[in-house]
């Protein structure tokens, strides 16, 4: 495994309010707090799983 992992830019495009608890927890786990906030996260299986669960709420780009 290389020392430099890929990075992903994740942007919250839909509101977290009124969503299932597990989906809100995935949003928080990725470090997102507000609409249109963008965070950079490591491209790991754990983060990919959270992104896949809330794929209808976020936009993902390669960093």
N, C-alpha and C. Protein backbone atom coordinates (compact mmCIF):
# COMPACT_ATOMS: atom_id res chain seq x y z
N UNK A 1 0.84 -1.18 0.00
CA UNK A 1 0.00 0.00 0.00
C UNK A 1 0.88 1.24 0.00
N UNK A 2 0.56 2.21 -0.83
CA UNK A 2 1.38 3.41 -0.93
C UNK A 2 1.10 4.33 0.25
N UNK A 3 2.08 5.19 0.55
CA UNK A 3 1.93 6.11 1.67
C UNK A 3 0.96 7.23 1.35
N UNK A 4 0.80 7.56 0.05
CA UNK A 4 -0.11 8.63 -0.35
C UNK A 4 -1.37 8.01 -0.95
N UNK A 5 -2.46 8.10 -0.21
CA UNK A 5 -3.73 7.57 -0.70
C UNK A 5 -4.44 8.63 -1.53
N UNK A 6 -5.39 8.18 -2.34
CA UNK A 6 -6.20 9.11 -3.10
C UNK A 6 -7.09 9.92 -2.18
N UNK A 7 -7.48 11.08 -2.64
CA UNK A 7 -8.36 11.96 -1.87
C UNK A 7 -9.63 12.20 -2.67
N UNK A 8 -10.73 12.39 -1.96
CA UNK A 8 -12.01 12.70 -2.58
C UNK A 8 -12.55 14.00 -2.01
N UNK A 9 -13.12 14.84 -2.88
CA UNK A 9 -13.80 16.04 -2.43
C UNK A 9 -15.29 15.73 -2.40
N UNK A 10 -15.90 15.86 -1.21
CA UNK A 10 -17.31 15.52 -1.03
C UNK A 10 -18.06 16.79 -0.67
N UNK A 11 -19.15 17.08 -1.40
CA UNK A 11 -19.95 18.27 -1.16
C UNK A 11 -21.38 17.85 -0.84
N UNK A 12 -21.93 18.39 0.24
CA UNK A 12 -23.31 18.10 0.64
C UNK A 12 -24.24 18.97 -0.20
N UNK A 13 -25.06 18.35 -1.05
CA UNK A 13 -25.92 19.10 -1.97
C UNK A 13 -27.39 19.07 -1.57
N UNK A 14 -27.77 18.20 -0.64
CA UNK A 14 -29.15 18.15 -0.17
C UNK A 14 -29.15 18.17 1.35
N UNK A 15 -30.21 18.67 1.93
CA UNK A 15 -30.29 18.84 3.37
C UNK A 15 -30.27 17.51 4.10
N UNK A 16 -29.65 17.51 5.26
CA UNK A 16 -29.61 16.29 6.09
C UNK A 16 -30.85 16.17 6.97
N UNK A 17 -31.65 17.23 7.06
CA UNK A 17 -32.84 17.20 7.92
C UNK A 17 -33.94 16.36 7.29
N UNK A 18 -34.63 15.59 8.12
CA UNK A 18 -35.70 14.73 7.65
C UNK A 18 -35.21 13.43 7.06
N UNK A 19 -33.93 13.12 7.23
CA UNK A 19 -33.35 11.89 6.69
C UNK A 19 -33.28 10.83 7.79
N UNK A 20 -33.01 9.61 7.38
CA UNK A 20 -32.86 8.53 8.34
C UNK A 20 -31.65 8.79 9.24
N UNK A 21 -31.71 8.28 10.47
CA UNK A 21 -30.63 8.48 11.43
C UNK A 21 -29.29 8.00 10.88
N UNK A 22 -29.26 6.82 10.27
CA UNK A 22 -27.99 6.27 9.75
C UNK A 22 -27.42 7.17 8.66
N UNK A 23 -28.28 7.79 7.86
CA UNK A 23 -27.80 8.67 6.80
C UNK A 23 -27.24 9.95 7.40
N UNK A 24 -27.89 10.50 8.43
CA UNK A 24 -27.36 11.68 9.11
C UNK A 24 -26.03 11.37 9.77
N UNK A 25 -25.88 10.17 10.29
CA UNK A 25 -24.62 9.78 10.92
C UNK A 25 -23.51 9.65 9.88
N UNK A 26 -23.83 9.20 8.68
CA UNK A 26 -22.84 9.12 7.61
C UNK A 26 -22.39 10.52 7.21
N UNK A 27 -23.33 11.47 7.13
CA UNK A 27 -22.99 12.85 6.80
C UNK A 27 -22.02 13.38 7.85
N UNK A 28 -22.33 13.17 9.13
CA UNK A 28 -21.46 13.64 10.22
C UNK A 28 -20.12 12.92 10.18
N UNK A 29 -20.12 11.64 9.87
CA UNK A 29 -18.88 10.86 9.82
C UNK A 29 -17.93 11.35 8.74
N UNK A 30 -18.48 11.91 7.68
CA UNK A 30 -17.64 12.47 6.62
C UNK A 30 -17.18 13.88 6.95
N UNK A 31 -17.69 14.45 8.03
CA UNK A 31 -17.27 15.79 8.45
C UNK A 31 -18.07 16.92 7.85
N UNK A 32 -19.24 16.58 7.28
CA UNK A 32 -20.09 17.60 6.68
C UNK A 32 -21.07 18.15 7.71
N UNK A 33 -21.21 19.47 7.75
CA UNK A 33 -22.11 20.11 8.70
C UNK A 33 -23.19 20.94 8.04
N UNK A 34 -22.85 21.60 6.93
CA UNK A 34 -23.77 22.53 6.28
C UNK A 34 -23.98 22.16 4.82
N UNK A 35 -25.07 22.65 4.26
CA UNK A 35 -25.30 22.50 2.82
C UNK A 35 -24.19 23.22 2.05
N UNK A 36 -23.77 22.63 0.96
CA UNK A 36 -22.75 23.16 0.05
C UNK A 36 -21.36 23.23 0.67
N UNK A 37 -21.19 22.64 1.84
CA UNK A 37 -19.85 22.54 2.43
C UNK A 37 -19.10 21.42 1.70
N UNK A 38 -17.83 21.65 1.44
CA UNK A 38 -16.98 20.65 0.79
C UNK A 38 -15.87 20.24 1.73
N UNK A 39 -15.66 18.93 1.86
CA UNK A 39 -14.56 18.41 2.67
C UNK A 39 -13.74 17.46 1.80
N UNK A 40 -12.48 17.31 2.18
CA UNK A 40 -11.59 16.36 1.50
C UNK A 40 -11.36 15.19 2.44
N UNK A 41 -11.67 13.99 1.95
CA UNK A 41 -11.51 12.78 2.75
C UNK A 41 -10.63 11.80 2.00
N UNK A 42 -10.02 10.88 2.74
CA UNK A 42 -9.20 9.84 2.13
C UNK A 42 -10.09 8.85 1.38
N UNK A 43 -9.59 8.33 0.29
CA UNK A 43 -10.33 7.36 -0.52
C UNK A 43 -10.12 5.97 0.07
N UNK A 44 -10.89 5.66 1.12
CA UNK A 44 -10.81 4.37 1.80
C UNK A 44 -12.12 3.62 1.63
N UNK A 45 -12.14 2.31 1.84
CA UNK A 45 -13.39 1.56 1.75
C UNK A 45 -14.45 2.07 2.74
N UNK A 46 -14.02 2.51 3.92
CA UNK A 46 -14.97 3.01 4.92
C UNK A 46 -15.66 4.28 4.42
N UNK A 47 -14.87 5.21 3.90
CA UNK A 47 -15.45 6.45 3.39
C UNK A 47 -16.28 6.19 2.14
N UNK A 48 -15.85 5.29 1.28
CA UNK A 48 -16.63 4.94 0.08
C UNK A 48 -17.99 4.37 0.48
N UNK A 49 -18.02 3.55 1.54
CA UNK A 49 -19.29 2.98 2.00
C UNK A 49 -20.25 4.05 2.48
N UNK A 50 -19.74 5.03 3.23
CA UNK A 50 -20.60 6.12 3.70
C UNK A 50 -21.10 6.95 2.53
N UNK A 51 -20.21 7.20 1.56
CA UNK A 51 -20.61 7.98 0.39
C UNK A 51 -21.66 7.23 -0.42
N UNK A 52 -21.49 5.93 -0.58
CA UNK A 52 -22.47 5.14 -1.33
C UNK A 52 -23.83 5.13 -0.65
N UNK A 53 -23.85 5.14 0.68
CA UNK A 53 -25.12 5.13 1.40
C UNK A 53 -25.89 6.43 1.21
N UNK A 54 -25.17 7.56 1.11
CA UNK A 54 -25.83 8.86 0.99
C UNK A 54 -25.55 9.48 -0.38
N UNK A 55 -25.42 8.63 -1.41
CA UNK A 55 -25.05 9.13 -2.74
C UNK A 55 -26.06 10.12 -3.31
N UNK A 56 -27.31 10.08 -2.86
CA UNK A 56 -28.33 11.00 -3.36
C UNK A 56 -28.21 12.39 -2.73
N UNK A 57 -27.36 12.53 -1.71
CA UNK A 57 -27.22 13.80 -0.98
C UNK A 57 -25.90 14.50 -1.26
N UNK A 58 -24.95 13.83 -1.89
CA UNK A 58 -23.61 14.40 -2.03
C UNK A 58 -23.14 14.37 -3.48
N UNK A 59 -22.15 15.22 -3.76
CA UNK A 59 -21.43 15.24 -5.03
C UNK A 59 -19.99 14.88 -4.72
N UNK A 60 -19.40 13.99 -5.48
CA UNK A 60 -18.04 13.51 -5.21
C UNK A 60 -17.15 13.79 -6.42
N UNK A 61 -15.95 14.31 -6.14
CA UNK A 61 -14.96 14.59 -7.17
C UNK A 61 -13.61 14.07 -6.69
N UNK A 62 -12.73 13.78 -7.63
CA UNK A 62 -11.35 13.43 -7.28
C UNK A 62 -10.66 14.71 -6.81
N UNK A 63 -9.89 14.62 -5.74
CA UNK A 63 -9.19 15.81 -5.24
C UNK A 63 -7.81 15.93 -5.86
